[in-house]
Each structure stands twice: as C-alpha cells, then as structure tokens.
Amino acid sequence: MIRALVLELTEALGGIRPPVPPDELREMHRKKDFSGMMRYIRNTLHLDIKIRIGFVNKGGPDKAPAWIDSPYPMPLYGTPE
C-alpha cells in the first residue's frame, strides 16, 4: 500500500527526474552566471515554474552564495495558504 501511495505521489509531482548534469553548472558557477544556473536547473528538470532571483550585498546565512526563503511553517501543497 505504501509503495502504491509513493508511486501515486511521484506521478502527481511529474515523475522522477534525472539528476542535473554538473559540468555545465560548474562552468556557469565559475563565470558567476547564477541566473543561468537557475534557468539551466529549471529547464533540465522540466519544471513549469517561474523563478525570481534577487542579488543582494548582505543578508542571509553566513558565507551562503545563495539561499531560498520560505514561510515557516511551510503550508501544505494545494492549500490556499
């Protein structure tokens, strides 16, 4: 039963996607093309989402080149929240 539910959930989320190949990401990181990295990940994973990237001079976790802010607690997927 659990396997069937996991399979159903996996299919509802668009299936299992292969890992993103790292070579092109490494090259974009070397060039500091962080927007390009996000687009590459989004497109490779076939994610139908909009991503907004903001560059800042300070803030966020110490020594973090990037981070994702999310509400806490994170609302359940599909709920109005």
PDB file of N, CA and C in Angstrom:
ATOM      1  N   MET A   1       0.823  -1.194   0.000  1.00  0.00           N
ATOM      2  CA  MET A   1       0.000   0.000   0.000  1.00  0.00           C
ATOM      3  C   MET A   1       0.870   1.262   0.000  1.00  0.00           C
ATOM      4  N   ILE A   2       1.926   1.268   0.825  1.00  0.00           N
ATOM      5  CA  ILE A   2       2.803   2.439   0.882  1.00  0.00           C
ATOM      6  C   ILE A   2       3.483   2.653  -0.466  1.00  0.00           C
ATOM      7  N   ARG A   3       3.946   1.582  -1.096  1.00  0.00           N
ATOM      8  CA  ARG A   3       4.589   1.708  -2.413  1.00  0.00           C
ATOM      9  C   ARG A   3       3.625   2.311  -3.433  1.00  0.00           C
ATOM     10  N   ALA A   4       2.370   1.890  -3.382  1.00  0.00           N
ATOM     11  CA  ALA A   4       1.368   2.411  -4.315  1.00  0.00           C
ATOM     12  C   ALA A   4       1.138   3.897  -4.075  1.00  0.00           C
ATOM     13  N   LEU A   5       1.109   4.309  -2.810  1.00  0.00           N
ATOM     14  CA  LEU A   5       0.899   5.722  -2.489  1.00  0.00           C
ATOM     15  C   LEU A   5       2.108   6.559  -2.897  1.00  0.00           C
ATOM     16  N   VAL A   6       3.312   6.039  -2.679  1.00  0.00           N
ATOM     17  CA  VAL A   6       4.512   6.763  -3.093  1.00  0.00           C
ATOM     18  C   VAL A   6       4.533   6.908  -4.612  1.00  0.00           C
ATOM     19  N   LEU A   7       4.181   5.862  -5.326  1.00  0.00           N
ATOM     20  CA  LEU A   7       4.119   5.923  -6.791  1.00  0.00           C
ATOM     21  C   LEU A   7       3.086   6.952  -7.244  1.00  0.00           C
ATOM     22  N   GLU A   8       1.929   6.962  -6.610  1.00  0.00           N
ATOM     23  CA  GLU A   8       0.883   7.936  -6.949  1.00  0.00           C
ATOM     24  C   GLU A   8       1.365   9.360  -6.699  1.00  0.00           C
ATOM     25  N   LEU A   9       2.031   9.583  -5.571  1.00  0.00           N
ATOM     26  CA  LEU A   9       2.548  10.911  -5.253  1.00  0.00           C
ATOM     27  C   LEU A   9       3.631  11.314  -6.254  1.00  0.00           C
ATOM     28  N   THR A  10       4.522  10.393  -6.566  1.00  0.00           N
ATOM     29  CA  THR A  10       5.590  10.666  -7.530  1.00  0.00           C
ATOM     30  C   THR A  10       5.008  11.077  -8.874  1.00  0.00           C
ATOM     31  N   GLU A  11       4.019  10.358  -9.343  1.00  0.00           N
ATOM     32  CA  GLU A  11       3.384  10.685 -10.622  1.00  0.00           C
ATOM     33  C   GLU A  11       2.659  12.024 -10.558  1.00  0.00           C
ATOM     34  N   ALA A  12       2.033  12.324  -9.419  1.00  0.00           N
ATOM     35  CA  ALA A  12       1.330  13.604  -9.265  1.00  0.00           C
ATOM     36  C   ALA A  12       2.298  14.780  -9.328  1.00  0.00           C
ATOM     37  N   LEU A  13       3.552  14.552  -8.923  1.00  0.00           N
ATOM     38  CA  LEU A  13       4.555  15.617  -8.943  1.00  0.00           C
ATOM     39  C   LEU A  13       5.355  15.636 -10.241  1.00  0.00           C
ATOM     40  N   GLY A  14       4.944  14.843 -11.227  1.00  0.00           N
ATOM     41  CA  GLY A  14       5.589  14.878 -12.524  1.00  0.00           C
ATOM     42  C   GLY A  14       6.623  13.798 -12.749  1.00  0.00           C
ATOM     43  N   GLY A  15       6.697  12.832 -11.859  1.00  0.00           N
ATOM     44  CA  GLY A  15       7.635  11.721 -12.032  1.00  0.00           C
ATOM     45  C   GLY A  15       9.017  12.028 -11.510  1.00  0.00           C
ATOM     46  N   ILE A  16       9.847  11.010 -11.488  1.00  0.00           N
ATOM     47  CA  ILE A  16      11.225  11.161 -11.041  1.00  0.00           C
ATOM     48  C   ILE A  16      12.036  11.738 -12.191  1.00  0.00           C
ATOM     49  N   ARG A  17      12.781  12.763 -11.895  1.00  0.00           N
ATOM     50  CA  ARG A  17      13.600  13.417 -12.908  1.00  0.00           C
ATOM     51  C   ARG A  17      15.055  13.026 -12.704  1.00  0.00           C
ATOM     52  N   PRO A  18      15.806  12.899 -13.791  1.00  0.00           N
ATOM     53  CA  PRO A  18      17.221  12.542 -13.645  1.00  0.00           C
ATOM     54  C   PRO A  18      18.001  13.695 -13.027  1.00  0.00           C
ATOM     55  N   PRO A  19      19.150  13.396 -12.426  1.00  0.00           N
ATOM     56  CA  PRO A  19      19.968  14.478 -11.854  1.00  0.00           C
ATOM     57  C   PRO A  19      20.396  15.477 -12.921  1.00  0.00           C
ATOM     58  N   VAL A  20      20.632  16.704 -12.494  1.00  0.00           N
ATOM     59  CA  VAL A  20      21.110  17.744 -13.405  1.00  0.00           C
ATOM     60  C   VAL A  20      22.599  17.505 -13.656  1.00  0.00           C
ATOM     61  N   PRO A  21      23.026  17.409 -14.934  1.00  0.00           N
ATOM     62  CA  PRO A  21      24.446  17.204 -15.220  1.00  0.00           C
ATOM     63  C   PRO A  21      25.289  18.356 -14.656  1.00  0.00           C
ATOM     64  N   PRO A  22      26.360  18.048 -13.930  1.00  0.00           N
ATOM     65  CA  PRO A  22      27.093  19.099 -13.220  1.00  0.00           C
ATOM     66  C   PRO A  22      28.085  19.902 -14.057  1.00  0.00           C
ATOM     67  N   ASP A  23      28.553  19.384 -15.184  1.00  0.00           N
ATOM     68  CA  ASP A  23      29.623  20.070 -15.917  1.00  0.00           C
ATOM     69  C   ASP A  23      29.250  21.486 -16.336  1.00  0.00           C
ATOM     70  N   GLU A  24      28.071  21.634 -16.941  1.00  0.00           N
ATOM     71  CA  GLU A  24      27.656  22.968 -17.386  1.00  0.00           C
ATOM     72  C   GLU A  24      27.409  23.888 -16.185  1.00  0.00           C
ATOM     73  N   LEU A  25      26.882  23.324 -15.087  1.00  0.00           N
ATOM     74  CA  LEU A  25      26.676  24.125 -13.877  1.00  0.00           C
ATOM     75  C   LEU A  25      28.005  24.632 -13.326  1.00  0.00           C
ATOM     76  N   ARG A  26      29.007  23.785 -13.320  1.00  0.00           N
ATOM     77  CA  ARG A  26      30.326  24.209 -12.813  1.00  0.00           C
ATOM     78  C   ARG A  26      30.886  25.369 -13.633  1.00  0.00           C
ATOM     79  N   GLU A  27      30.719  25.282 -14.949  1.00  0.00           N
ATOM     80  CA  GLU A  27      31.225  26.347 -15.820  1.00  0.00           C
ATOM     81  C   GLU A  27      30.457  27.652 -15.570  1.00  0.00           C
ATOM     82  N   MET A  28      29.145  27.574 -15.436  1.00  0.00           N
ATOM     83  CA  MET A  28      28.356  28.787 -15.159  1.00  0.00           C
ATOM     84  C   MET A  28      28.720  29.361 -13.792  1.00  0.00           C
ATOM     85  N   HIS A  29      28.971  28.487 -12.808  1.00  0.00           N
ATOM     86  CA  HIS A  29      29.363  28.955 -11.472  1.00  0.00           C
ATOM     87  C   HIS A  29      30.713  29.660 -11.545  1.00  0.00           C
ATOM     88  N   ARG A  30      31.637  29.085 -12.297  1.00  0.00           N
ATOM     89  CA  ARG A  30      32.949  29.711 -12.463  1.00  0.00           C
ATOM     90  C   ARG A  30      32.815  31.119 -13.053  1.00  0.00           C
ATOM     91  N   LYS A  31      31.851  31.279 -13.975  1.00  0.00           N
ATOM     92  CA  LYS A  31      31.614  32.581 -14.612  1.00  0.00           C
ATOM     93  C   LYS A  31      30.689  33.472 -13.781  1.00  0.00           C
ATOM     94  N   LYS A  32      30.236  32.959 -12.635  1.00  0.00           N
ATOM     95  CA  LYS A  32      29.300  33.683 -11.755  1.00  0.00           C
ATOM     96  C   LYS A  32      27.975  33.985 -12.455  1.00  0.00           C
ATOM     97  N   ASP A  33      27.563  33.082 -13.341  1.00  0.00           N
ATOM     98  CA  ASP A  33      26.284  33.207 -14.049  1.00  0.00           C
ATOM     99  C   ASP A  33      25.215  32.466 -13.246  1.00  0.00           C
ATOM    100  N   PHE A  34      24.839  33.037 -12.103  1.00  0.00           N
ATOM    101  CA  PHE A  34      23.917  32.376 -11.195  1.00  0.00           C
ATOM    102  C   PHE A  34      22.497  32.310 -11.759  1.00  0.00           C
ATOM    103  N   SER A  35      22.093  33.333 -12.489  1.00  0.00           N
ATOM    104  CA  SER A  35      20.775  33.286 -13.137  1.00  0.00           C
ATOM    105  C   SER A  35      20.737  32.171 -14.172  1.00  0.00           C
ATOM    106  N   GLY A  36      21.811  32.046 -14.934  1.00  0.00           N
ATOM    107  CA  GLY A  36      21.893  30.973 -15.917  1.00  0.00           C
ATOM    108  C   GLY A  36      21.839  29.599 -15.262  1.00  0.00           C
ATOM    109  N   MET A  37      22.466  29.467 -14.091  1.00  0.00           N
ATOM    110  CA  MET A  37      22.428  28.203 -13.362  1.00  0.00           C
ATOM    111  C   MET A  37      20.992  27.840 -12.989  1.00  0.00           C
ATOM    112  N   MET A  38      20.237  28.814 -12.507  1.00  0.00           N
ATOM    113  CA  MET A  38      18.854  28.550 -12.101  1.00  0.00           C
ATOM    114  C   MET A  38      18.000  28.180 -13.313  1.00  0.00           C
ATOM    115  N   ARG A  39      18.176  28.895 -14.427  1.00  0.00           N
ATOM    116  CA  ARG A  39      17.427  28.562 -15.643  1.00  0.00           C
ATOM    117  C   ARG A  39      17.771  27.152 -16.126  1.00  0.00           C
ATOM    118  N   TYR A  40      19.059  26.819 -16.095  1.00  0.00           N
ATOM    119  CA  TYR A  40      19.510  25.501 -16.541  1.00  0.00           C
ATOM    120  C   TYR A  40      18.889  24.396 -15.685  1.00  0.00           C
ATOM    121  N   ILE A  41      18.896  24.569 -14.378  1.00  0.00           N
ATOM    122  CA  ILE A  41      18.289  23.584 -13.477  1.00  0.00           C
ATOM    123  C   ILE A  41      16.795  23.470 -13.755  1.00  0.00           C
ATOM    124  N   ARG A  42      16.117  24.616 -13.831  1.00  0.00           N
ATOM    125  CA  ARG A  42      14.671  24.609 -14.081  1.00  0.00           C
ATOM    126  C   ARG A  42      14.346  23.897 -15.391  1.00  0.00           C
ATOM    127  N   ASN A  43      15.082  24.225 -16.459  1.00  0.00           N
ATOM    128  CA  ASN A  43      14.792  23.642 -17.768  1.00  0.00           C
ATOM    129  C   ASN A  43      15.162  22.168 -17.838  1.00  0.00           C
ATOM    130  N   THR A  44      16.283  21.795 -17.239  1.00  0.00           N
ATOM    131  CA  THR A  44      16.711  20.393 -17.256  1.00  0.00           C
ATOM    132  C   THR A  44      15.723  19.509 -16.512  1.00  0.00           C
ATOM    133  N   LEU A  45      15.179  20.017 -15.415  1.00  0.00           N
ATOM    134  CA  LEU A  45      14.211  19.250 -14.626  1.00  0.00           C
ATOM    135  C   LEU A  45      12.789  19.392 -15.161  1.00  0.00           C
ATOM    136  N   HIS A  46      12.617  20.172 -16.236  1.00  0.00           N
ATOM    137  CA  HIS A  46      11.299  20.389 -16.841  1.00  0.00           C
ATOM    138  C   HIS A  46      10.295  20.895 -15.798  1.00  0.00           C
ATOM    139  N   LEU A  47      10.727  21.888 -15.024  1.00  0.00           N
ATOM    140  CA  LEU A  47       9.858  22.473 -14.003  1.00  0.00           C
ATOM    141  C   LEU A  47       9.066  23.611 -14.622  1.00  0.00           C
ATOM    142  N   ASP A  48       7.776  23.562 -14.500  1.00  0.00           N
ATOM    143  CA  ASP A  48       6.900  24.594 -15.041  1.00  0.00           C
ATOM    144  C   ASP A  48       6.647  25.634 -13.955  1.00  0.00           C
ATOM    145  N   ILE A  49       7.711  26.384 -13.608  1.00  0.00           N
ATOM    146  CA  ILE A  49       7.615  27.387 -12.549  1.00  0.00           C
ATOM    147  C   ILE A  49       8.359  28.645 -12.979  1.00  0.00           C
ATOM    148  N   LYS A  50       7.995  29.752 -12.372  1.00  0.00           N
ATOM    149  CA  LYS A  50       8.734  30.984 -12.553  1.00  0.00           C
ATOM    150  C   LYS A  50       9.686  31.109 -11.366  1.00  0.00           C
ATOM    151  N   ILE A  51      10.895  31.532 -11.654  1.00  0.00           N
ATOM    152  CA  ILE A  51      11.895  31.714 -10.612  1.00  0.00           C
ATOM    153  C   ILE A  51      12.339  33.162 -10.650  1.00  0.00           C
ATOM    154  N   ARG A  52      12.316  33.805  -9.496  1.00  0.00           N
ATOM    155  CA  ARG A  52      12.800  35.179  -9.398  1.00  0.00           C
ATOM    156  C   ARG A  52      14.077  35.161  -8.573  1.00  0.00           C
ATOM    157  N   ILE A  53      15.111  35.745  -9.114  1.00  0.00           N
ATOM    158  CA  ILE A  53      16.399  35.774  -8.446  1.00  0.00           C
ATOM    159  C   ILE A  53      16.699  37.210  -8.060  1.00  0.00           C
ATOM    160  N   GLY A  54      17.060  37.405  -6.811  1.00  0.00           N
ATOM    161  CA  GLY A  54      17.455  38.722  -6.338  1.00  0.00           C
ATOM    162  C   GLY A  54      18.894  38.682  -5.858  1.00  0.00           C
ATOM    163  N   PHE A  55      19.697  39.632  -6.283  1.00  0.00           N
ATOM    164  CA  PHE A  55      21.080  39.709  -5.856  1.00  0.00           C
ATOM    165  C   PHE A  55      21.185  40.771  -4.778  1.00  0.00           C
ATOM    166  N   VAL A  56      21.864  40.434  -3.691  1.00  0.00           N
ATOM    167  CA  VAL A  56      21.993  41.360  -2.566  1.00  0.00           C
ATOM    168  C   VAL A  56      23.453  41.458  -2.156  1.00  0.00           C
ATOM    169  N   ASN A  57      23.771  42.530  -1.447  1.00  0.00           N
ATOM    170  CA  ASN A  57      25.136  42.726  -0.962  1.00  0.00           C
ATOM    171  C   ASN A  57      25.352  42.162   0.433  1.00  0.00           C
ATOM    172  N   LYS A  58      24.275  41.963   1.176  1.00  0.00           N
ATOM    173  CA  LYS A  58      24.408  41.413   2.522  1.00  0.00           C
ATOM    174  C   LYS A  58      23.089  40.770   2.919  1.00  0.00           C
ATOM    175  N   GLY A  59      23.152  39.998   3.991  1.00  0.00           N
ATOM    176  CA  GLY A  59      21.967  39.297   4.475  1.00  0.00           C
ATOM    177  C   GLY A  59      22.075  37.813   4.210  1.00  0.00           C
ATOM    178  N   GLY A  60      21.157  37.068   4.728  1.00  0.00           N
ATOM    179  CA  GLY A  60      21.159  35.625   4.535  1.00  0.00           C
ATOM    180  C   GLY A  60      22.138  34.921   5.447  1.00  0.00           C
ATOM    181  N   PRO A  61      22.227  33.609   5.321  1.00  0.00           N
ATOM    182  CA  PRO A  61      23.146  32.833   6.140  1.00  0.00           C
ATOM    183  C   PRO A  61      24.603  33.205   5.854  1.00  0.00           C
ATOM    184  N   ASP A  62      25.458  33.077   6.861  1.00  0.00           N
ATOM    185  CA  ASP A  62      26.878  33.394   6.697  1.00  0.00           C
ATOM    186  C   ASP A  62      27.501  32.562   5.584  1.00  0.00           C
ATOM    187  N   LYS A  63      28.247  33.223   4.720  1.00  0.00           N
ATOM    188  CA  LYS A  63      29.015  32.597   3.644  1.00  0.00           C
ATOM    189  C   LYS A  63      28.157  31.803   2.663  1.00  0.00           C
ATOM    190  N   ALA A  64      26.864  32.073   2.594  1.00  0.00           N
ATOM    191  CA  ALA A  64      25.996  31.370   1.652  1.00  0.00           C
ATOM    192  C   ALA A  64      25.980  32.138   0.326  1.00  0.00           C
ATOM    193  N   PRO A  65      26.345  31.494  -0.786  1.00  0.00           N
ATOM    194  CA  PRO A  65      26.285  32.187  -2.064  1.00  0.00           C
ATOM    195  C   PRO A  65      24.845  32.372  -2.533  1.00  0.00           C
ATOM    196  N   ALA A  66      23.930  31.536  -2.013  1.00  0.00           N
ATOM    197  CA  ALA A  66      22.516  31.631  -2.375  1.00  0.00           C
ATOM    198  C   ALA A  66      21.700  30.939  -1.295  1.00  0.00           C
ATOM    199  N   TRP A  67      20.443  31.301  -1.198  1.00  0.00           N
ATOM    200  CA  TRP A  67      19.549  30.646  -0.257  1.00  0.00           C
ATOM    201  C   TRP A  67      18.127  30.850  -0.721  1.00  0.00           C
ATOM    202  N   ILE A  68      17.231  30.058  -0.182  1.00  0.00           N
ATOM    203  CA  ILE A  68      15.821  30.141  -0.533  1.00  0.00           C
ATOM    204  C   ILE A  68      15.047  30.486   0.725  1.00  0.00           C
ATOM    205  N   ASP A  69      14.290  31.555   0.656  1.00  0.00           N
ATOM    206  CA  ASP A  69      13.406  31.919   1.765  1.00  0.00           C
ATOM    207  C   ASP A  69      12.067  31.235   1.552  1.00  0.00           C
ATOM    208  N   SER A  70      11.549  30.677   2.597  1.00  0.00           N
ATOM    209  CA  SER A  70      10.226  30.065   2.523  1.00  0.00           C
ATOM    210  C   SER A  70       9.509  30.329   3.834  1.00  0.00           C
ATOM    211  N   PRO A  71       8.190  30.352   3.797  1.00  0.00           N
ATOM    212  CA  PRO A  71       7.448  30.606   5.025  1.00  0.00           C
ATOM    213  C   PRO A  71       7.632  29.464   6.019  1.00  0.00           C
ATOM    214  N   TYR A  72       7.554  29.798   7.301  1.00  0.00           N
ATOM    215  CA  TYR A  72       7.632  28.772   8.336  1.00  0.00           C
ATOM    216  C   TYR A  72       6.413  28.914   9.231  1.00  0.00           C
ATOM    217  N   PRO A  73       5.642  27.895   9.414  1.00  0.00           N
ATOM    218  CA  PRO A  73       5.780  26.594   8.783  1.00  0.00           C
ATOM    219  C   PRO A  73       5.327  26.656   7.322  1.00  0.00           C
ATOM    220  N   MET A  74       5.903  25.807   6.514  1.00  0.00           N
ATOM    221  CA  MET A  74       5.573  25.764   5.096  1.00  0.00           C
ATOM    222  C   MET A  74       4.160  25.210   4.931  1.00  0.00           C
ATOM    223  N   PRO A  75       3.275  25.936   4.241  1.00  0.00           N
ATOM    224  CA  PRO A  75       1.914  25.413   4.047  1.00  0.00           C
ATOM    225  C   PRO A  75       1.896  24.158   3.186  1.00  0.00           C
ATOM    226  N   LEU A  76       0.906  23.352   3.350  1.00  0.00           N
ATOM    227  CA  LEU A  76       0.764  22.140   2.556  1.00  0.00           C
ATOM    228  C   LEU A  76       0.478  22.499   1.101  1.00  0.00           C
ATOM    229  N   TYR A  77       1.037  21.703   0.182  1.00  0.00           N
ATOM    230  CA  TYR A  77       0.843  21.907  -1.250  1.00  0.00           C
ATOM    231  C   TYR A  77      -0.643  21.801  -1.581  1.00  0.00           C
ATOM    232  N   GLY A  78      -1.151  22.740  -2.354  1.00  0.00           N
ATOM    233  CA  GLY A  78      -2.541  22.711  -2.794  1.00  0.00           C
ATOM    234  C   GLY A  78      -3.515  23.413  -1.860  1.00  0.00           C
ATOM    235  N   THR A  79      -3.023  23.910  -0.713  1.00  0.00           N
ATOM    236  CA  THR A  79      -3.918  24.627   0.203  1.00  0.00           C
ATOM    237  C   THR A  79      -3.893  26.114  -0.130  1.00  0.00           C
ATOM    238  N   PRO A  80      -4.906  26.861   0.272  1.00  0.00           N
ATOM    239  CA  PRO A  80      -4.937  28.298  -0.023  1.00  0.00           C
ATOM    240  C   PRO A  80      -3.743  29.060   0.557  1.00  0.00           C
ATOM    241  N   GLU A  81      -3.190  28.590   1.653  1.00  0.00           N
ATOM    242  CA  GLU A  81      -2.054  29.275   2.258  1.00  0.00           C
ATOM    243  C   GLU A  81      -0.867  29.246   1.332  1.00  0.00           C
TER     244      GLU A  81
END
